[in-house]
Amino acid sequence: MNTRIGLIAIVLTACSGAGPAPKGWTAIPGSSDAWSYGSGAARQEYTYSRKRFAGALQDLASAVAIDSLLSNPGAKLRSSNPFAPCPGAAGVATFSLRGGMTLEEGFAVHDALAVRTDYTLPAGAQADPNVTAAMQNVLC
């Protein structure tokens, strides 16, 4: 009987969603929802947030573009597309930032909450698959 309960607990743990952190990344001191990987010019950062939101996905897409452009002077919106792992349920806006960085901001609306992820990486760098998995976990 105890073996059966243990097995059920393992299965339930495996089925529960992983946390919002990308696998293998380090928590940024002083923040509960921000992580980094690498150092110097190769440093990448990832953040996750949720807050009340009364609009639809299209409303959030507009807010993401406006917020990102206002909080990153000189940024340029390169694209805003459905997030491939869950098209129609989430999007990702990509911005070129000053200093040779790229910002990929993921967004979704779930249960009257805006879910947002910010992923900053060097321009031209390949996206870390662990970040894509973390984004999929919280956006889809």
Protein backbone atom coordinates (compact mmCIF):
# COMPACT_ATOMS: atom_id res chain seq x y z
CA MET A 1 0.00 0.00 0.00
CA ASN A 2 2.79 2.48 0.90
CA THR A 3 4.52 1.73 -2.40
CA ARG A 4 1.33 2.57 -4.24
CA ILE A 5 0.96 5.91 -2.40
CA GLY A 6 4.61 6.73 -3.11
CA LEU A 7 4.16 5.95 -6.79
CA ILE A 8 1.04 8.13 -6.97
CA ALA A 9 2.96 11.00 -5.31
CA ILE A 10 5.77 10.68 -7.85
CA VAL A 11 3.31 10.69 -10.77
CA LEU A 12 1.47 13.73 -9.40
CA THR A 13 4.76 15.58 -8.90
CA ALA A 14 5.82 14.79 -12.45
CA CYS A 15 2.48 16.04 -13.80
CA SER A 16 2.49 19.29 -11.87
CA GLY A 17 3.91 22.23 -13.78
CA ALA A 18 7.51 23.18 -13.22
CA GLY A 19 8.26 26.52 -11.64
CA PRO A 20 8.72 29.68 -13.64
CA ALA A 21 12.56 29.56 -13.51
CA PRO A 22 14.56 28.31 -16.49
CA LYS A 23 16.35 25.07 -15.64
CA GLY A 24 19.97 25.65 -14.64
CA TRP A 25 19.65 29.42 -14.20
CA THR A 26 20.65 31.33 -11.04
CA ALA A 27 18.22 33.42 -9.01
CA ILE A 28 19.09 37.13 -9.02
CA PRO A 29 19.69 38.18 -5.40
CA GLY A 30 16.88 40.26 -3.95
CA SER A 31 14.27 39.10 -6.48
CA SER A 32 11.90 36.17 -6.23
CA ASP A 33 11.02 36.09 -9.94
CA ALA A 34 14.26 36.92 -11.80
CA TRP A 35 17.10 34.67 -12.95
CA SER A 36 20.34 35.04 -14.88
CA TYR A 37 22.74 32.90 -16.86
CA GLY A 38 26.27 33.71 -17.98
CA SER A 39 28.29 36.82 -17.29
CA GLY A 40 29.70 39.91 -18.94
CA ALA A 41 28.59 40.56 -22.51
CA ALA A 42 27.06 37.05 -22.70
CA ARG A 43 24.81 37.54 -19.64
CA GLN A 44 21.14 36.68 -20.13
CA GLU A 45 18.28 37.55 -17.77
CA TYR A 46 14.75 36.21 -17.42
CA THR A 47 11.88 37.54 -15.31
CA TYR A 48 8.33 36.40 -14.68
CA SER A 49 5.36 38.38 -13.37
CA ARG A 50 1.60 38.11 -12.93
CA LYS A 51 -0.89 40.81 -12.07
CA ARG A 52 -4.60 41.49 -12.40
CA PHE A 53 -5.72 42.32 -15.91
CA ALA A 54 -9.26 42.87 -17.16
CA GLY A 55 -8.56 42.83 -20.91
CA ALA A 56 -8.05 40.28 -23.65
CA LEU A 57 -4.80 39.03 -25.19
CA GLN A 58 -4.89 41.78 -27.85
CA ASP A 59 -5.18 44.43 -25.12
CA LEU A 60 -2.19 42.95 -23.34
CA ALA A 61 -0.18 42.86 -26.59
CA SER A 62 -0.70 46.62 -26.94
CA ALA A 63 0.22 47.23 -23.30
CA VAL A 64 3.40 45.12 -23.67
CA ALA A 65 4.54 47.13 -26.70
CA ILE A 66 3.85 50.47 -25.05
CA ASP A 67 5.39 49.48 -21.68
CA SER A 68 8.52 48.04 -23.26
CA LEU A 69 9.11 51.00 -25.55
CA LEU A 70 8.59 53.49 -22.71
CA SER A 71 10.79 51.66 -20.23
CA ASN A 72 13.61 51.03 -22.73
CA PRO A 73 14.50 54.34 -24.43
CA GLY A 74 15.70 53.77 -27.97
CA ALA A 75 14.15 50.29 -28.20
CA LYS A 76 12.71 49.18 -31.51
CA LEU A 77 9.85 46.71 -31.88
CA ARG A 78 11.04 44.03 -34.32
CA SER A 79 8.04 41.69 -34.19
CA SER A 80 5.00 40.59 -32.24
CA ASN A 81 3.83 37.07 -32.97
CA PRO A 82 1.90 34.18 -31.46
CA PHE A 83 4.05 32.15 -29.06
CA ALA A 84 4.61 28.97 -31.12
CA PRO A 85 4.05 26.41 -28.31
CA CYS A 86 0.57 27.83 -27.63
CA PRO A 87 -0.61 29.96 -30.59
CA GLY A 88 -3.75 31.96 -29.92
CA ALA A 89 -3.20 31.72 -26.15
CA ALA A 90 0.06 33.68 -25.86
CA GLY A 91 2.34 35.97 -27.78
CA VAL A 92 5.93 37.16 -27.81
CA ALA A 93 7.12 40.62 -28.74
CA THR A 94 10.77 41.04 -29.75
CA PHE A 95 12.61 44.33 -29.29
CA SER A 96 16.09 45.52 -30.21
CA LEU A 97 17.59 47.37 -27.25
CA ARG A 98 20.44 49.84 -27.10
CA GLY A 99 23.75 48.24 -26.24
CA GLY A 100 23.34 45.25 -28.54
CA MET A 101 20.72 43.35 -26.56
CA THR A 102 17.43 41.73 -27.56
CA LEU A 103 14.32 41.63 -25.38
CA GLU A 104 11.75 38.90 -25.95
CA GLU A 105 8.64 39.62 -23.91
CA GLY A 106 6.15 36.79 -23.63
CA PHE A 107 2.57 37.50 -22.60
CA ALA A 108 -0.71 35.71 -21.94
CA VAL A 109 -3.98 36.29 -20.09
CA HIS A 110 -5.19 33.57 -17.72
CA ASP A 111 -8.06 33.89 -15.23
CA ALA A 112 -8.03 37.72 -15.31
CA LEU A 113 -4.25 37.79 -14.78
CA ALA A 114 -1.65 39.17 -17.16
CA VAL A 115 1.27 36.76 -17.26
CA ARG A 116 4.48 38.28 -18.60
CA THR A 117 8.01 37.05 -19.12
CA ASP A 118 11.02 39.17 -20.09
CA TYR A 119 14.03 37.48 -21.64
CA THR A 120 17.07 39.65 -22.38
CA LEU A 121 19.92 38.17 -24.38
CA PRO A 122 22.75 39.43 -26.59
CA ALA A 123 21.59 40.36 -30.10
CA GLY A 124 22.19 37.46 -32.47
CA ALA A 125 22.45 34.87 -29.68
CA GLN A 126 20.37 31.73 -29.90
CA ALA A 127 17.52 31.53 -27.40
CA ASP A 128 18.18 29.12 -24.53
CA PRO A 129 15.79 26.13 -24.83
CA ASN A 130 15.43 26.18 -21.03
CA VAL A 131 13.95 29.69 -21.29
CA THR A 132 11.55 28.59 -24.02
CA ALA A 133 10.45 25.70 -21.77
CA ALA A 134 10.01 28.07 -18.78
CA MET A 135 7.98 30.47 -20.95
CA GLN A 136 5.81 27.62 -22.20
CA ASN A 137 5.21 26.48 -18.62
CA VAL A 138 3.81 29.85 -17.51
CA LEU A 139 2.27 31.20 -20.72
CA CYS A 140 0.41 28.16 -22.08
